[in-house]
Protein backbone atom coordinates (compact mmCIF):
# COMPACT_ATOMS: atom_id res chain seq x y z
CA MET A 1 77.77 114.40 -18.97
CA GLN A 2 76.54 117.54 -17.27
CA LYS A 3 79.96 118.15 -15.70
CA MET A 4 81.63 117.89 -19.09
CA TRP A 5 79.05 120.12 -20.78
CA THR A 6 79.57 122.79 -18.11
CA GLU A 7 83.36 122.56 -18.42
CA ILE A 8 83.15 122.90 -22.21
CA ASP A 9 80.94 125.98 -21.87
CA ALA A 10 83.52 127.44 -19.48
CA TYR A 11 86.27 126.68 -22.02
CA ILE A 12 84.28 128.39 -24.80
CA ASP A 13 83.55 131.40 -22.60
CA SER A 14 87.19 131.78 -21.54
CA HIS A 15 88.32 131.94 -25.18
CA LEU A 16 85.45 133.62 -27.02
CA ILE A 17 83.29 135.62 -24.60
CA PRO A 18 84.96 138.85 -23.39
CA GLU A 19 84.66 139.49 -19.66
CA ASP A 20 82.08 142.21 -19.22
CA PRO A 21 81.73 144.05 -15.89
CA ILE A 22 78.11 145.04 -16.51
CA LEU A 23 77.01 141.49 -17.27
CA LEU A 24 79.05 140.13 -14.36
CA GLN A 25 77.43 142.68 -12.02
CA THR A 26 74.00 141.68 -13.34
CA LEU A 27 74.66 138.04 -12.46
CA LYS A 28 76.10 138.97 -9.06
CA ASN A 29 73.15 141.20 -8.19
CA THR A 30 70.78 138.45 -9.26
CA GLU A 31 72.54 135.94 -7.00
CA ASP A 32 72.77 138.44 -4.12
CA ASN A 33 68.99 138.85 -4.30
CA GLY A 34 68.51 135.10 -3.93
CA PHE A 35 67.58 134.24 -7.50
CA PRO A 36 69.19 131.30 -9.34
CA ASP A 37 71.21 132.23 -12.41
CA HIS A 38 70.09 129.09 -14.27
CA LEU A 39 66.97 131.02 -15.32
CA ALA A 40 69.16 133.28 -17.48
CA VAL A 41 70.75 132.36 -20.80
CA ALA A 42 74.34 131.14 -20.77
CA PRO A 43 77.00 133.67 -21.86
CA ASN A 44 77.70 131.86 -25.14
CA GLN A 45 73.96 131.82 -25.84
CA GLY A 46 73.79 135.53 -25.08
CA MET A 47 76.57 136.09 -27.60
CA LEU A 48 74.65 134.07 -30.20
CA LEU A 49 71.60 136.30 -29.74
CA GLN A 50 73.82 139.37 -29.98
CA MET A 51 75.39 138.13 -33.21
CA LEU A 52 72.01 137.40 -34.81
CA ILE A 53 70.96 140.98 -34.09
CA GLN A 54 74.22 142.41 -35.38
CA MET A 55 74.28 140.29 -38.55
CA ASN A 56 70.78 141.45 -39.45
CA GLN A 57 71.30 145.08 -38.40
CA CYS A 58 68.24 145.03 -36.16
CA LYS A 59 67.06 148.20 -34.42
CA ARG A 60 63.86 147.09 -32.68
CA VAL A 61 63.75 144.06 -30.36
CA LEU A 62 60.96 142.38 -28.41
CA GLU A 63 61.75 140.09 -25.49
CA LEU A 64 59.13 137.97 -23.72
CA GLY A 65 60.43 136.90 -20.33
CA THR A 66 62.85 139.39 -18.80
CA PHE A 67 63.72 137.58 -15.56
CA ALA A 68 66.65 139.64 -14.18
CA ALA A 69 67.48 141.35 -17.52
CA TYR A 70 70.71 139.44 -18.20
CA SER A 71 69.52 138.46 -21.67
CA THR A 72 67.93 141.90 -22.06
CA ILE A 73 71.32 143.54 -21.68
CA TRP A 74 72.87 141.16 -24.22
CA LEU A 75 70.07 142.03 -26.66
CA ALA A 76 70.18 145.77 -26.07
CA ARG A 77 73.94 146.06 -26.40
CA ALA A 78 73.76 144.50 -29.86
CA LEU A 79 71.61 147.40 -31.05
CA PRO A 80 72.75 150.79 -32.32
CA GLU A 81 72.57 153.60 -29.78
CA ASP A 82 69.16 154.67 -31.09
CA GLY A 83 67.86 151.09 -30.81
CA TYR A 84 64.75 150.13 -28.87
CA ILE A 85 63.88 147.03 -26.87
CA LEU A 86 60.55 146.21 -25.27
CA THR A 87 60.93 143.50 -22.64
CA ILE A 88 57.98 141.99 -20.80
CA GLU A 89 58.06 140.21 -17.45
CA GLY A 90 55.11 138.61 -15.70
CA ARG A 91 56.42 138.49 -12.13
CA ASP A 92 56.68 141.65 -10.06
CA THR A 93 59.72 140.46 -8.09
CA HIS A 94 61.61 139.57 -11.26
CA ALA A 95 60.63 142.86 -12.88
CA ALA A 96 61.88 144.90 -9.92
CA LEU A 97 65.25 143.15 -10.03
CA ALA A 98 65.39 143.49 -13.82
CA GLN A 99 64.75 147.23 -13.65
CA GLU A 100 67.50 147.58 -11.07
CA ASN A 101 69.94 145.75 -13.33
CA ILE A 102 68.85 147.77 -16.38
CA ASN A 103 69.32 151.04 -14.49
CA HIS A 104 72.78 149.95 -13.35
CA ALA A 105 73.81 149.09 -16.93
CA LYS A 106 73.22 152.70 -18.07
CA LEU A 107 72.96 151.72 -21.72
CA PRO A 108 72.22 154.37 -24.37
CA GLN A 109 69.61 152.17 -26.05
CA THR A 110 66.00 152.62 -24.98
CA ILE A 111 64.92 149.67 -22.81
CA GLU A 112 61.24 149.66 -21.90
CA LEU A 113 60.22 147.11 -19.27
CA GLN A 114 56.53 146.34 -18.96
CA VAL A 115 55.10 144.11 -16.25
CA GLY A 116 52.23 141.72 -16.94
CA ARG A 117 51.30 138.63 -18.86
CA ALA A 118 53.05 138.93 -22.18
CA ALA A 119 49.95 138.16 -24.24
CA ASP A 120 47.95 140.87 -22.47
CA VAL A 121 50.71 143.45 -22.92
CA LEU A 122 51.10 142.65 -26.62
CA LYS A 123 47.36 142.76 -27.27
CA ALA A 124 47.22 146.21 -25.63
CA LEU A 125 49.82 147.72 -27.95
CA PRO A 126 48.47 150.28 -30.45
CA GLN A 127 47.49 148.89 -33.84
CA ASP A 128 50.04 151.15 -35.53
CA PHE A 129 52.88 149.98 -33.23
CA GLU A 130 56.04 149.63 -35.32
CA ALA A 131 57.05 146.05 -36.09
CA PHE A 132 60.07 144.40 -34.47
CA ASP A 133 63.18 143.20 -36.27
CA PHE A 134 64.10 140.54 -33.70
CA ILE A 135 61.99 138.72 -31.12
CA PHE A 136 63.25 136.53 -28.29
CA ILE A 137 60.69 134.37 -26.51
CA ASP A 138 61.74 132.92 -23.16
CA ALA A 139 58.57 133.07 -21.07
CA ASP A 140 56.01 130.52 -19.83
CA LYS A 141 56.21 127.55 -22.16
CA GLN A 142 52.52 126.65 -22.07
CA SER A 143 51.81 129.90 -23.95
CA TYR A 144 54.45 129.54 -26.67
CA SER A 145 52.02 128.97 -29.55
CA GLU A 146 50.02 132.04 -28.49
CA TYR A 147 53.18 134.11 -28.16
CA LEU A 148 54.29 132.95 -31.60
CA GLU A 149 51.08 134.17 -33.24
CA LEU A 150 51.19 137.50 -31.44
CA SER A 151 54.85 137.91 -32.38
CA LEU A 152 54.12 137.20 -36.03
CA ASN A 153 51.52 139.97 -35.95
CA LEU A 154 54.26 142.34 -34.72
CA SER A 155 56.79 141.25 -37.35
CA HIS A 156 57.73 142.24 -40.87
CA SER A 157 59.32 140.29 -43.70
CA GLY A 158 62.75 139.23 -42.47
CA THR A 159 62.01 139.44 -38.74
CA ILE A 160 63.85 136.77 -36.76
CA ILE A 161 62.08 134.99 -33.90
CA VAL A 162 64.04 132.85 -31.44
CA LEU A 163 62.18 130.65 -28.94
CA ASP A 164 64.21 129.28 -26.03
CA ASN A 165 63.92 126.01 -24.08
CA VAL A 166 62.11 123.97 -26.73
CA VAL A 167 63.68 120.55 -26.03
CA ARG A 168 63.55 120.29 -22.24
CA ALA A 169 66.01 117.42 -21.87
CA GLY A 170 64.08 115.45 -24.47
CA GLU A 171 60.78 115.57 -22.60
CA ILE A 172 59.00 116.82 -25.72
CA ILE A 173 59.13 113.26 -27.09
CA ASN A 174 58.14 111.62 -23.80
CA SER A 175 54.45 110.84 -24.38
CA LYS A 176 53.94 110.24 -20.65
CA ASN A 177 54.90 113.82 -19.84
CA GLN A 178 51.75 115.89 -20.22
CA LYS A 179 52.80 118.89 -18.14
CA PRO A 180 51.36 122.17 -19.48
CA SER A 181 54.85 123.48 -20.20
CA ILE A 182 55.74 120.43 -22.30
CA GLU A 183 52.37 120.37 -24.06
CA GLY A 184 52.86 124.06 -24.81
CA ILE A 185 56.12 123.39 -26.60
CA ARG A 186 54.56 120.54 -28.58
CA ASP A 187 51.75 122.92 -29.60
CA MET A 188 54.42 125.38 -30.74
CA PHE A 189 56.02 122.77 -33.01
CA VAL A 190 52.61 122.04 -34.53
CA ALA A 191 52.02 125.77 -35.06
CA LEU A 192 55.41 126.22 -36.73
CA LYS A 193 54.84 123.45 -39.26
CA ASN A 194 53.83 124.92 -42.63
CA HIS A 195 52.79 128.24 -41.07
CA PRO A 196 51.74 130.62 -43.87
CA LYS A 197 53.60 133.59 -42.34
CA ILE A 198 56.91 131.74 -41.90
CA LEU A 199 59.51 131.55 -44.65
CA SER A 200 61.67 128.97 -42.88
CA CYS A 201 62.26 127.61 -39.40
CA THR A 202 64.23 124.97 -37.55
CA ALA A 203 65.13 123.90 -34.04
CA LEU A 204 68.53 122.98 -32.63
CA GLN A 205 69.34 120.90 -29.58
CA THR A 206 71.87 122.44 -27.20
CA VAL A 207 73.91 121.01 -24.36
CA GLY A 208 75.97 123.04 -21.92
CA SER A 209 75.96 124.64 -18.51
CA LYS A 210 72.17 124.94 -18.75
CA GLY A 211 71.74 121.22 -19.44
CA HIS A 212 70.09 119.63 -22.49
CA ASP A 213 67.66 121.96 -24.25
CA GLY A 214 67.35 123.86 -27.51
CA PHE A 215 66.28 126.87 -29.58
CA ALA A 216 63.71 127.22 -32.33
CA LEU A 217 64.59 129.81 -34.97
CA VAL A 218 62.02 131.41 -37.26
CA LEU A 219 62.40 133.67 -40.29
CA VAL A 220 59.24 135.59 -41.12
CA LYS A 221 58.04 135.51 -44.75
């Protein structure tokens, strides 16, 4: 099945995802530095994130989990030229590579990369920090419920929150799997259910070049 999923993603990309030299260079530089590209979103997923931002005319974006900034560039390029994105990465080696890729992209949008545990960075933001229009969470899974609450505090009515990797090849329903990352996702689902700050939410399974996983999508009340 994985071979077919990957081939279908390639078919979709060849028809619907324009070849982009900046994104291709980002992937190449990531590989050249010895990092696996499977940690980044797939191109068709990047396009989905871009479209969500464009459809909702977002100007301010928060990303938790930069890795090598492949998704960051997708997010930033969906914004108007005066748009702003704050992206947070916990690992110094990833952050250094991400900054290199961001610098190479030379985008007009303001991209601020902060290094540290996402929760600590968010808690240190000023109380009057302007809310975000779109939030993409793709960081350590054991902290997803905490990141959700912090993100809701930095949202306004209509903010969209997307959480990546919430199915994990079905392991979320495997009661024998009690890894912190899986338990973290289960805690997130509990937190999402009937949350007073959420207007609506759902989760979708995905299959493709990145395997069997999924997104959760949240619309803030």
